[in-house]
Amino acid sequence: MKNRAMYMMILPGLLFFIIFKYVPMAGLVIAFQDYKPYLGITGSSWTGLSHFERLFSEPMFFTILRNTLVLFAMNLLFYFPVPILLAVMLNEVRINVFKRFVQTLVYIPHFMSWVIIVSISFVMLSTDRGLINELFAMMGFEKINFLLSNEWFRPMYILQVIWREAGWGTIIYLAAMAAIDPGLYEAARIDGAGRFRQIWHITLPSIRSVIVVLLILKIGDVLELGFEHVYLLLNSMNREVAEIFDTYVYTAGLKQGQYSFSAAVGFFKSFVGLLLVLGANWLAKKVGEEGIF
């Protein structure tokens, strides 16, 4: 068989997606049932769209939708550009030892779990001998209860996301920059272009297609912010701004045993993400980009 080695390399990833991504999709049928574990999928009664009707009529629905969209918008506005800027700056570093040191330093948080990240934040921000609040007290300011505050939840969330993920996100952009023809920079320097003009007219246009693809994929996660991070920050005092679809599914599905309803919420999230990916891909092609398919 031609390209046998390549197919063998693809096989593990392909099996992973088939087993853990596509096969479980059959379970979405319980979103249209009154699912009972002891009856199974085949024995549970059908309820049609009643769970979706309940979701849209829930008093908490618009609060959860607002919270999810606000956090997603903050991710898009504040987090998404950071890996690009970081990759551009690292690409301009000419001292290889310093460049590798900085890369390692910014990659390390990605390998920490959200439990560790949030725990470090707790130690830093706690009103009980937290480093930040102790500094405030030394300077004569009042301590701020960051962990229980509605106002500070979102800034704290996005700063943690940037800290943990920005360094790891630079890998793709640095790989794209490595493929840029050095002759373009040489020609630009001969024409008198400085570093900033080279970045603006060569580096950024050369990685534009990569930025567009990652942006499309990011838009598809509009309602998929991740359960663990938000759940660790969630408490009774900030629930009004912190409750999102992921934590709501956990509460309804696992804590309250409403499996069909939580499946309907998950189905709604996935459907919205699919529509947004298709729409963003169509728009990207309309403006001359390749898109993802």
Protein backbone atom coordinates (compact mmCIF):
# COMPACT_ATOMS: atom_id res chain seq x y z
CA MET A 1 0.00 0.00 0.00
CA LYS A 2 1.31 3.43 -0.94
CA ASN A 3 1.99 5.83 1.99
CA ARG A 4 1.40 3.02 4.49
CA ALA A 5 3.56 4.71 7.13
CA MET A 6 1.55 7.92 6.87
CA TYR A 7 -1.74 6.06 7.28
CA MET A 8 -0.37 4.25 10.33
CA MET A 9 0.54 7.62 11.88
CA ILE A 10 -2.97 8.93 11.23
CA LEU A 11 -4.71 5.80 12.58
CA PRO A 12 -4.42 6.49 16.36
CA GLY A 13 -5.82 10.01 16.02
CA LEU A 14 -8.57 8.77 13.69
CA LEU A 15 -9.57 6.01 16.13
CA PHE A 16 -9.59 8.52 18.99
CA PHE A 17 -12.08 10.78 17.20
CA ILE A 18 -14.27 7.88 16.06
CA ILE A 19 -14.45 6.24 19.50
CA PHE A 20 -14.61 9.28 21.76
CA LYS A 21 -16.20 11.93 19.50
CA TYR A 22 -18.44 10.34 16.88
CA VAL A 23 -19.73 7.15 18.54
CA PRO A 24 -20.95 9.03 21.68
CA MET A 25 -23.03 11.29 19.41
CA ALA A 26 -25.56 8.45 19.24
CA GLY A 27 -26.34 9.21 22.88
CA LEU A 28 -27.80 12.59 21.91
CA VAL A 29 -31.03 10.75 21.24
CA ILE A 30 -31.81 10.92 24.98
CA ALA A 31 -32.31 14.69 24.55
CA PHE A 32 -35.63 13.75 22.92
CA GLN A 33 -36.57 11.18 25.56
CA ASP A 34 -37.53 10.97 29.20
CA TYR A 35 -34.41 8.89 29.76
CA LYS A 36 -34.35 6.43 32.65
CA PRO A 37 -31.04 4.61 33.24
CA TYR A 38 -32.78 1.38 34.28
CA LEU A 39 -34.86 1.39 31.07
CA GLY A 40 -32.05 2.36 28.71
CA ILE A 41 -32.34 4.27 25.46
CA THR A 42 -34.60 1.73 23.80
CA GLY A 43 -37.00 1.52 26.74
CA SER A 44 -37.32 5.20 27.63
CA SER A 45 -40.35 7.13 26.40
CA TRP A 46 -40.14 9.85 23.76
CA THR A 47 -40.87 13.46 24.69
CA GLY A 48 -40.02 15.28 21.46
CA LEU A 49 -38.78 18.85 21.93
CA SER A 50 -40.09 19.31 25.47
CA HIS A 51 -36.60 19.54 27.01
CA PHE A 52 -35.62 22.26 24.55
CA GLU A 53 -38.82 24.15 25.31
CA ARG A 54 -38.02 23.90 28.99
CA LEU A 55 -34.46 25.14 28.39
CA PHE A 56 -35.61 28.27 26.56
CA SER A 57 -38.29 28.99 29.16
CA GLU A 58 -35.99 28.54 32.18
CA PRO A 59 -35.56 31.79 34.17
CA MET A 60 -31.80 31.13 34.29
CA PHE A 61 -31.43 30.62 30.52
CA PHE A 62 -30.76 34.23 29.51
CA THR A 63 -28.48 34.77 32.52
CA ILE A 64 -26.41 31.72 31.55
CA LEU A 65 -26.41 32.75 27.88
CA ARG A 66 -25.28 36.29 28.79
CA ASN A 67 -22.51 35.03 31.07
CA THR A 68 -21.26 32.57 28.46
CA LEU A 69 -21.27 35.14 25.66
CA VAL A 70 -19.52 37.78 27.79
CA LEU A 71 -16.73 35.37 28.75
CA PHE A 72 -16.39 34.25 25.14
CA ALA A 73 -16.20 37.87 23.95
CA MET A 74 -13.47 38.53 26.52
CA ASN A 75 -11.59 35.47 25.27
CA LEU A 76 -11.86 36.74 21.71
CA LEU A 77 -10.90 40.34 22.46
CA PHE A 78 -8.23 39.90 25.12
CA TYR A 79 -6.84 36.36 24.86
CA PHE A 80 -6.91 35.61 21.11
CA PRO A 81 -4.47 38.40 20.06
CA VAL A 82 -1.96 37.65 22.85
CA PRO A 83 -0.41 34.48 21.31
CA ILE A 84 -0.04 36.34 18.00
CA LEU A 85 1.76 39.26 19.66
CA LEU A 86 3.87 36.92 21.76
CA ALA A 87 4.84 34.86 18.70
CA VAL A 88 5.79 38.01 16.76
CA MET A 89 7.98 39.23 19.61
CA LEU A 90 9.67 35.84 20.04
CA ASN A 91 10.23 35.66 16.28
CA GLU A 92 12.14 38.94 16.44
CA VAL A 93 14.50 37.75 19.19
CA ARG A 94 17.92 36.97 17.71
CA ILE A 95 19.63 35.58 20.84
CA ASN A 96 18.64 31.91 20.66
CA VAL A 97 19.46 31.08 24.29
CA PHE A 98 17.24 33.90 25.57
CA LYS A 99 14.51 33.00 23.06
CA ARG A 100 14.40 29.35 24.19
CA PHE A 101 14.40 30.42 27.84
CA VAL A 102 11.41 32.74 27.32
CA GLN A 103 9.56 30.09 25.29
CA THR A 104 10.03 27.53 28.05
CA LEU A 105 8.94 30.05 30.67
CA VAL A 106 5.67 30.92 28.91
CA TYR A 107 4.92 27.27 27.97
CA ILE A 108 5.16 25.92 31.53
CA PRO A 109 1.72 27.13 32.80
CA HIS A 110 -0.02 25.12 30.06
CA PHE A 111 1.15 21.90 31.71
CA MET A 112 -0.43 22.88 35.02
CA SER A 113 -4.02 21.81 35.65
CA TRP A 114 -6.70 24.40 36.30
CA VAL A 115 -6.73 23.19 39.90
CA ILE A 116 -3.14 24.39 40.33
CA ILE A 117 -3.74 27.65 38.45
CA VAL A 118 -6.81 28.51 40.55
CA SER A 119 -5.04 27.42 43.74
CA ILE A 120 -2.14 29.76 43.01
CA SER A 121 -4.63 32.56 42.36
CA PHE A 122 -6.36 31.74 45.64
CA VAL A 123 -3.08 32.02 47.54
CA MET A 124 -2.27 35.31 45.78
CA LEU A 125 -5.72 36.93 46.04
CA SER A 126 -7.19 35.64 49.30
CA THR A 127 -8.13 38.25 51.91
CA ASP A 128 -6.57 36.00 54.54
CA ARG A 129 -2.85 36.69 54.06
CA GLY A 130 -3.05 36.71 50.25
CA LEU A 131 0.04 38.36 48.75
CA ILE A 132 -1.87 40.97 46.72
CA ASN A 133 -4.14 41.99 49.57
CA GLU A 134 -1.20 42.10 51.99
CA LEU A 135 0.51 44.55 49.64
CA PHE A 136 -2.68 46.64 49.51
CA ALA A 137 -2.80 46.68 53.30
CA MET A 138 0.85 47.74 53.53
CA MET A 139 0.15 50.65 51.18
CA GLY A 140 -2.87 51.72 53.23
CA PHE A 141 -5.60 50.47 50.90
CA GLU A 142 -8.54 48.29 51.83
CA LYS A 143 -8.37 44.60 51.01
CA ILE A 144 -10.45 43.42 48.02
CA ASN A 145 -12.33 40.14 48.14
CA PHE A 146 -11.45 39.09 44.58
CA LEU A 147 -12.67 35.52 44.96
CA LEU A 148 -16.22 36.40 46.04
CA SER A 149 -16.72 39.50 43.92
CA ASN A 150 -19.00 39.71 40.88
CA GLU A 151 -16.95 42.62 39.52
CA TRP A 152 -13.61 40.80 39.71
CA PHE A 153 -14.68 37.36 38.48
CA ARG A 154 -14.38 38.09 34.76
CA PRO A 155 -11.02 39.94 34.89
CA MET A 156 -9.66 37.16 37.10
CA TYR A 157 -10.96 34.51 34.68
CA ILE A 158 -9.45 36.07 31.55
CA LEU A 159 -6.09 36.79 33.20
CA GLN A 160 -5.86 33.13 34.23
CA VAL A 161 -6.68 32.03 30.67
CA ILE A 162 -3.98 34.32 29.24
CA TRP A 163 -1.43 33.18 31.79
CA ARG A 164 -2.04 29.47 31.17
CA GLU A 165 -2.70 29.32 27.43
CA ALA A 166 -0.97 32.26 25.72
CA GLY A 167 2.48 30.65 25.61
CA TRP A 168 1.17 27.37 24.25
CA GLY A 169 -0.85 29.19 21.60
CA THR A 170 2.31 30.70 20.14
CA ILE A 171 3.54 27.32 18.87
CA ILE A 172 1.32 27.29 15.79
CA TYR A 173 2.13 30.90 14.91
CA LEU A 174 5.87 30.38 15.35
CA ALA A 175 5.66 27.31 13.09
CA ALA A 176 3.85 29.40 10.46
CA MET A 177 6.49 32.14 10.74
CA ALA A 178 9.29 29.59 10.29
CA ALA A 179 7.90 28.86 6.81
CA ILE A 180 8.18 32.49 5.65
CA ASP A 181 10.80 32.96 2.93
CA PRO A 182 13.83 34.81 4.47
CA GLY A 183 14.34 36.44 1.09
CA LEU A 184 11.26 38.58 1.70
CA TYR A 185 12.84 40.11 4.79
CA GLU A 186 16.13 40.61 2.94
CA ALA A 187 14.36 42.42 0.11
CA ALA A 188 12.47 44.57 2.60
CA ARG A 189 15.68 45.54 4.39
CA ILE A 190 17.28 46.51 1.08
CA ASP A 191 14.28 48.75 0.41
CA GLY A 192 14.82 50.41 3.79
CA ALA A 193 12.02 48.76 5.77
CA GLY A 194 12.55 48.65 9.54
CA ARG A 195 11.49 45.91 11.95
CA PHE A 196 7.93 47.19 12.41
CA ARG A 197 7.35 47.54 8.66
CA GLN A 198 8.67 44.03 8.09
CA ILE A 199 6.28 42.69 10.72
CA TRP A 200 3.32 44.63 9.29
CA HIS A 201 3.95 43.92 5.61
CA ILE A 202 5.56 40.45 5.70
CA THR A 203 5.09 38.55 8.97
CA LEU A 204 1.41 39.26 9.67
CA PRO A 205 0.19 38.83 6.05
CA SER A 206 2.13 35.56 5.81
CA ILE A 207 0.36 34.06 8.82
CA ARG A 208 -3.05 35.59 8.06
CA SER A 209 -4.51 32.30 6.80
CA VAL A 210 -3.45 30.55 10.02
CA ILE A 211 -5.01 33.34 12.10
CA VAL A 212 -8.27 33.03 10.15
CA VAL A 213 -8.45 29.23 10.59
CA LEU A 214 -7.82 29.47 14.35
CA LEU A 215 -10.36 32.29 14.62
CA ILE A 216 -13.00 30.15 12.90
CA LEU A 217 -12.30 27.27 15.27
CA LYS A 218 -12.40 29.67 18.22
CA ILE A 219 -15.80 31.00 17.14
CA GLY A 220 -17.09 27.42 17.12
CA ASP A 221 -16.38 27.27 20.87
CA VAL A 222 -18.65 30.22 21.63
CA LEU A 223 -20.70 28.20 24.15
CA GLU A 224 -17.89 25.79 25.06
CA LEU A 225 -15.72 27.62 27.58
CA GLY A 226 -14.64 24.58 29.55
CA PHE A 227 -16.17 23.23 32.74
CA GLU A 228 -13.23 22.81 35.11
CA HIS A 229 -11.87 26.36 35.13
CA VAL A 230 -15.19 28.12 35.72
CA TYR A 231 -16.39 25.50 38.19
CA LEU A 232 -13.32 26.02 40.37
CA LEU A 233 -13.97 29.78 40.46
CA LEU A 234 -17.72 29.43 40.94
CA ASN A 235 -19.30 30.05 44.33
CA SER A 236 -22.62 31.24 45.74
CA MET A 237 -21.47 34.88 45.78
CA ASN A 238 -20.45 35.18 42.12
CA ARG A 239 -22.90 32.70 40.58
CA GLU A 240 -24.88 35.52 38.95
CA VAL A 241 -21.96 36.29 36.60
CA ALA A 242 -20.11 32.94 36.70
CA GLU A 243 -22.78 30.34 35.89
CA ILE A 244 -22.33 29.14 32.29
CA PHE A 245 -23.75 26.30 30.20
CA ASP A 246 -20.97 23.87 31.18
CA THR A 247 -21.55 24.27 34.92
CA TYR A 248 -25.32 24.29 34.40
CA VAL A 249 -25.13 20.93 32.56
CA TYR A 250 -23.07 19.50 35.43
CA THR A 251 -25.60 20.66 38.02
CA ALA A 252 -28.64 19.48 36.08
CA GLY A 253 -27.16 16.24 34.77
CA LEU A 254 -24.93 14.81 37.48
CA LYS A 255 -26.15 16.49 40.65
CA GLN A 256 -29.88 16.41 39.91
CA GLY A 257 -29.98 13.37 37.61
CA GLN A 258 -31.77 15.18 34.76
CA TYR A 259 -29.90 13.32 32.03
CA SER A 260 -32.25 14.10 29.17
CA PHE A 261 -32.43 17.79 29.99
CA SER A 262 -28.66 18.12 30.31
CA ALA A 263 -28.26 16.26 26.99
CA ALA A 264 -30.63 18.81 25.41
CA VAL A 265 -28.48 21.66 26.75
CA GLY A 266 -25.35 19.99 25.33
CA PHE A 267 -27.11 19.45 22.00
CA PHE A 268 -28.04 23.13 21.89
CA LYS A 269 -24.43 24.16 22.57
CA SER A 270 -23.06 21.89 19.84
CA PHE A 271 -25.66 22.99 17.31
CA VAL A 272 -24.93 26.68 17.88
CA GLY A 273 -21.18 25.99 17.59
CA LEU A 274 -21.70 24.13 14.29
CA LEU A 275 -23.76 26.97 12.82
CA LEU A 276 -21.16 29.54 13.84
CA VAL A 277 -18.28 27.52 12.36
CA LEU A 278 -20.16 27.14 9.06
CA GLY A 279 -21.05 30.84 9.04
CA ALA A 280 -17.53 31.99 9.90
CA ASN A 281 -16.04 29.65 7.27
CA TRP A 282 -18.44 30.98 4.62
CA LEU A 283 -17.59 34.57 5.56
CA ALA A 284 -13.85 33.83 5.43
CA LYS A 285 -14.19 32.48 1.89
CA LYS A 286 -16.22 35.50 0.89
CA VAL A 287 -13.39 37.85 1.87
CA GLY A 288 -10.80 35.78 0.01
CA GLU A 289 -9.43 33.45 2.71
CA GLU A 290 -9.24 29.66 2.42
CA GLY A 291 -11.25 28.74 5.55
CA ILE A 292 -11.06 25.28 7.08
CA PHE A 293 -12.97 23.38 4.37
